[in-house]
Amino acid sequence: MTRYQPTEFSVTVCAADARALRVAVRGDLDYDSGDDFALTMFDMLREHAEEHGPTLRDLHLDWAELNAFDSSGLSVLLGVRRRAHAAGISLHLHHQPEFLARMLHVTGVADYLTQRARPGAEPESASSAIGDSGGEAAPVS
């Protein structure tokens, strides 16, 4: 029997400019790594807003090196989408493994996650929507 060796989880900025942020997600996005993913994403969005102001419009997530994804990962991804949309930022999901695409389809959230955000249409400003995580993951419901 082969033992399962989890891949170290990481989130890496691949490219950034004032309007777009490209991020690679590697490893397992699950119960154990969900809080780290949320904190990292919220910190990246906050730092981008501090450097460029509220100009970010597109957050590209590359899933090519994702090994596993469970309901906890989905919950955290939905929380990232809520925060991003409140700031007028659209999510783009690239190189989805079949298991991720299937989960997003079965749960009915694929189109919701990638729905185009309308800048300025949301009540919160980008900086307050992204906010300061204060070292704790934002609650996701």
Foldseek 3Di string as FASTA:
>chain_A
DDDDDWDDWDKDFPDDDLAETEIETATEQDPVCLWVVQQVLLVVLLVSCVVRNLRYAEYEYEDQRYDYYDPSSVQSLVLSLQLQLLQNHFYHYHNDDPVRVVVCVVVVCPCVRRPHRHHPPHPDHNDVSSDHCVPGGDDTD
